[in-house]
Amino acid sequence: MVTMNEARSAKAELRESLRDVDGVQGVGLARRGDDRDWVLQVNVLNVRARKDVPPDIHGVPVRVHVIGAVSAL
């Protein structure tokens, strides 16, 4: 189980490591199961961008969602 604070700490490092990866749309926190278990979520443009996302960072699991292009309404 990963606490919200552990996930927040790992988020900054994950965001920095993915800063130059083409296709990454955003990095955030997501609940896994109950409200005491957290993961990092990376939203990507397409499946190709998934290959550069690590499966975890400092023991915090990373979940990848392919969301397509993001645009303002």
N, C-alpha and C. Protein backbone atom coordinates (compact mmCIF):
# COMPACT_ATOMS: atom_id res chain seq x y z
N MET A 1 0.84 -1.17 0.00
CA MET A 1 0.00 0.00 0.00
C MET A 1 0.89 1.24 0.00
N VAL A 2 0.51 2.22 -0.78
CA VAL A 2 1.27 3.47 -0.91
C VAL A 2 0.39 4.61 -0.42
N THR A 3 0.94 5.41 0.49
CA THR A 3 0.19 6.56 1.01
C THR A 3 0.20 7.70 -0.01
N MET A 4 -0.70 8.64 0.19
CA MET A 4 -0.76 9.80 -0.68
C MET A 4 0.55 10.60 -0.61
N ASN A 5 1.11 10.74 0.58
CA ASN A 5 2.36 11.49 0.71
C ASN A 5 3.52 10.81 -0.02
N GLU A 6 3.58 9.49 0.03
CA GLU A 6 4.62 8.76 -0.71
C GLU A 6 4.46 8.97 -2.21
N ALA A 7 3.22 8.92 -2.68
CA ALA A 7 2.95 9.13 -4.10
C ALA A 7 3.30 10.55 -4.51
N ARG A 8 2.96 11.53 -3.68
CA ARG A 8 3.29 12.93 -4.00
C ARG A 8 4.79 13.13 -4.10
N SER A 9 5.53 12.50 -3.20
CA SER A 9 6.99 12.64 -3.23
C SER A 9 7.57 12.06 -4.51
N ALA A 10 7.07 10.93 -4.94
CA ALA A 10 7.57 10.28 -6.15
C ALA A 10 7.12 11.01 -7.42
N LYS A 11 5.99 11.70 -7.34
CA LYS A 11 5.42 12.37 -8.51
C LYS A 11 6.38 13.40 -9.10
N ALA A 12 7.01 14.19 -8.24
CA ALA A 12 7.91 15.24 -8.73
C ALA A 12 9.07 14.63 -9.52
N GLU A 13 9.64 13.56 -9.02
CA GLU A 13 10.75 12.92 -9.72
C GLU A 13 10.29 12.28 -11.03
N LEU A 14 9.13 11.65 -11.02
CA LEU A 14 8.60 11.05 -12.25
C LEU A 14 8.33 12.13 -13.29
N ARG A 15 7.72 13.22 -12.88
CA ARG A 15 7.42 14.31 -13.82
C ARG A 15 8.71 14.84 -14.45
N GLU A 16 9.74 15.02 -13.64
CA GLU A 16 11.01 15.51 -14.16
C GLU A 16 11.62 14.50 -15.14
N SER A 17 11.55 13.21 -14.83
CA SER A 17 12.15 12.20 -15.70
C SER A 17 11.40 12.07 -17.03
N LEU A 18 10.13 12.46 -17.06
CA LEU A 18 9.32 12.36 -18.28
C LEU A 18 9.18 13.69 -19.01
N ARG A 19 9.84 14.73 -18.51
CA ARG A 19 9.69 16.08 -19.06
C ARG A 19 9.95 16.14 -20.56
N ASP A 20 10.94 15.41 -21.04
CA ASP A 20 11.31 15.47 -22.46
C ASP A 20 10.78 14.30 -23.28
N VAL A 21 9.90 13.51 -22.71
CA VAL A 21 9.34 12.36 -23.44
C VAL A 21 8.17 12.83 -24.30
N ASP A 22 8.32 12.63 -25.58
CA ASP A 22 7.27 13.03 -26.52
C ASP A 22 6.01 12.19 -26.30
N GLY A 23 4.88 12.84 -26.18
CA GLY A 23 3.61 12.13 -26.04
C GLY A 23 3.06 12.09 -24.63
N VAL A 24 3.83 12.52 -23.64
CA VAL A 24 3.31 12.55 -22.26
C VAL A 24 2.45 13.80 -22.11
N GLN A 25 1.20 13.60 -21.72
CA GLN A 25 0.24 14.70 -21.60
C GLN A 25 0.11 15.21 -20.17
N GLY A 26 0.40 14.36 -19.19
CA GLY A 26 0.28 14.79 -17.80
C GLY A 26 0.64 13.69 -16.82
N VAL A 27 0.99 14.09 -15.60
CA VAL A 27 1.34 13.16 -14.52
C VAL A 27 0.52 13.57 -13.30
N GLY A 28 -0.13 12.59 -12.68
CA GLY A 28 -0.94 12.90 -11.50
C GLY A 28 -1.03 11.72 -10.55
N LEU A 29 -1.86 11.86 -9.53
CA LEU A 29 -2.11 10.81 -8.55
C LEU A 29 -3.46 10.18 -8.82
N ALA A 30 -3.58 8.91 -8.52
CA ALA A 30 -4.86 8.21 -8.66
C ALA A 30 -4.99 7.20 -7.53
N ARG A 31 -6.21 7.01 -7.09
CA ARG A 31 -6.46 5.99 -6.06
C ARG A 31 -6.48 4.61 -6.70
N ARG A 32 -5.99 3.65 -5.92
CA ARG A 32 -6.05 2.26 -6.34
C ARG A 32 -6.74 1.53 -5.20
N GLY A 33 -7.95 1.11 -5.43
CA GLY A 33 -8.69 0.46 -4.35
C GLY A 33 -9.29 1.48 -3.41
N ASP A 34 -8.90 1.42 -2.15
CA ASP A 34 -9.49 2.34 -1.18
C ASP A 34 -8.73 3.67 -1.13
N ASP A 35 -9.15 4.56 -0.26
CA ASP A 35 -8.56 5.90 -0.22
C ASP A 35 -7.22 5.95 0.49
N ARG A 36 -6.67 4.80 0.87
CA ARG A 36 -5.36 4.77 1.51
C ARG A 36 -4.29 4.15 0.61
N ASP A 37 -4.62 3.86 -0.63
CA ASP A 37 -3.68 3.22 -1.55
C ASP A 37 -3.64 4.04 -2.84
N TRP A 38 -2.46 4.57 -3.16
CA TRP A 38 -2.31 5.51 -4.27
C TRP A 38 -1.28 5.02 -5.29
N VAL A 39 -1.45 5.44 -6.53
CA VAL A 39 -0.50 5.19 -7.61
C VAL A 39 -0.27 6.50 -8.34
N LEU A 40 0.75 6.52 -9.18
CA LEU A 40 0.96 7.64 -10.07
C LEU A 40 0.30 7.30 -11.40
N GLN A 41 -0.30 8.29 -12.02
CA GLN A 41 -0.94 8.08 -13.31
C GLN A 41 -0.30 8.98 -14.34
N VAL A 42 0.10 8.39 -15.46
CA VAL A 42 0.68 9.15 -16.56
C VAL A 42 -0.28 9.04 -17.73
N ASN A 43 -0.72 10.19 -18.23
CA ASN A 43 -1.58 10.23 -19.41
C ASN A 43 -0.70 10.47 -20.63
N VAL A 44 -0.87 9.62 -21.64
CA VAL A 44 -0.04 9.72 -22.84
C VAL A 44 -0.90 9.87 -24.08
N LEU A 45 -0.28 10.42 -25.11
CA LEU A 45 -0.95 10.66 -26.38
C LEU A 45 -1.27 9.37 -27.11
N ASN A 46 -0.31 8.44 -27.12
CA ASN A 46 -0.49 7.21 -27.88
C ASN A 46 0.30 6.07 -27.22
N VAL A 47 0.12 4.89 -27.74
CA VAL A 47 0.75 3.70 -27.17
C VAL A 47 2.27 3.79 -27.23
N ARG A 48 2.82 4.42 -28.26
CA ARG A 48 4.28 4.53 -28.38
C ARG A 48 4.90 5.23 -27.19
N ALA A 49 4.23 6.19 -26.61
CA ALA A 49 4.78 6.94 -25.47
C ALA A 49 4.87 6.07 -24.21
N ARG A 50 4.13 4.98 -24.16
CA ARG A 50 4.15 4.10 -22.98
C ARG A 50 5.53 3.50 -22.73
N LYS A 51 6.29 3.26 -23.78
CA LYS A 51 7.57 2.55 -23.64
C LYS A 51 8.57 3.31 -22.77
N ASP A 52 8.44 4.60 -22.65
CA ASP A 52 9.38 5.41 -21.88
C ASP A 52 8.93 5.66 -20.44
N VAL A 53 7.79 5.11 -20.06
CA VAL A 53 7.26 5.31 -18.71
C VAL A 53 7.65 4.11 -17.85
N PRO A 54 8.34 4.36 -16.72
CA PRO A 54 8.74 3.24 -15.86
C PRO A 54 7.52 2.61 -15.17
N PRO A 55 7.61 1.33 -14.80
CA PRO A 55 6.48 0.66 -14.14
C PRO A 55 6.27 1.12 -12.69
N ASP A 56 7.34 1.66 -12.09
CA ASP A 56 7.23 2.22 -10.75
C ASP A 56 8.39 3.17 -10.51
N ILE A 57 8.26 3.98 -9.48
CA ILE A 57 9.33 4.88 -9.08
C ILE A 57 9.36 4.91 -7.56
N HIS A 58 10.47 4.52 -7.00
CA HIS A 58 10.65 4.42 -5.53
C HIS A 58 9.56 3.58 -4.88
N GLY A 59 9.16 2.51 -5.55
CA GLY A 59 8.16 1.61 -5.00
C GLY A 59 6.72 2.03 -5.21
N VAL A 60 6.52 3.18 -5.85
CA VAL A 60 5.16 3.66 -6.14
C VAL A 60 4.80 3.19 -7.55
N PRO A 61 3.76 2.38 -7.71
CA PRO A 61 3.36 1.91 -9.04
C PRO A 61 2.95 3.06 -9.96
N VAL A 62 3.23 2.89 -11.24
CA VAL A 62 2.86 3.89 -12.25
C VAL A 62 1.86 3.25 -13.20
N ARG A 63 0.71 3.90 -13.35
CA ARG A 63 -0.35 3.45 -14.25
C ARG A 63 -0.35 4.38 -15.46
N VAL A 64 -0.44 3.82 -16.66
CA VAL A 64 -0.42 4.62 -17.89
C VAL A 64 -1.78 4.53 -18.57
N HIS A 65 -2.29 5.70 -18.95
CA HIS A 65 -3.56 5.77 -19.70
C HIS A 65 -3.29 6.47 -21.04
N VAL A 66 -3.71 5.82 -22.11
CA VAL A 66 -3.64 6.44 -23.43
C VAL A 66 -4.90 7.26 -23.60
N ILE A 67 -4.75 8.59 -23.70
CA ILE A 67 -5.92 9.47 -23.76
C ILE A 67 -6.06 10.21 -25.07
N GLY A 68 -5.04 10.14 -25.91
CA GLY A 68 -5.08 10.88 -27.17
C GLY A 68 -4.70 12.33 -26.96
N ALA A 69 -4.95 13.13 -27.96
CA ALA A 69 -4.58 14.54 -27.92
C ALA A 69 -5.45 15.33 -26.96
N VAL A 70 -4.85 16.26 -26.26
CA VAL A 70 -5.55 17.13 -25.33
C VAL A 70 -5.63 18.51 -25.95
N SER A 71 -6.82 19.09 -25.95
CA SER A 71 -6.96 20.44 -26.51
C SER A 71 -7.94 21.25 -25.67
N ALA A 72 -7.80 22.54 -25.73
CA ALA A 72 -8.68 23.43 -24.98
C ALA A 72 -10.06 23.45 -25.63
N LEU A 73 -11.08 23.61 -24.80
CA LEU A 73 -12.45 23.67 -25.33
C LEU A 73 -12.77 25.04 -25.86
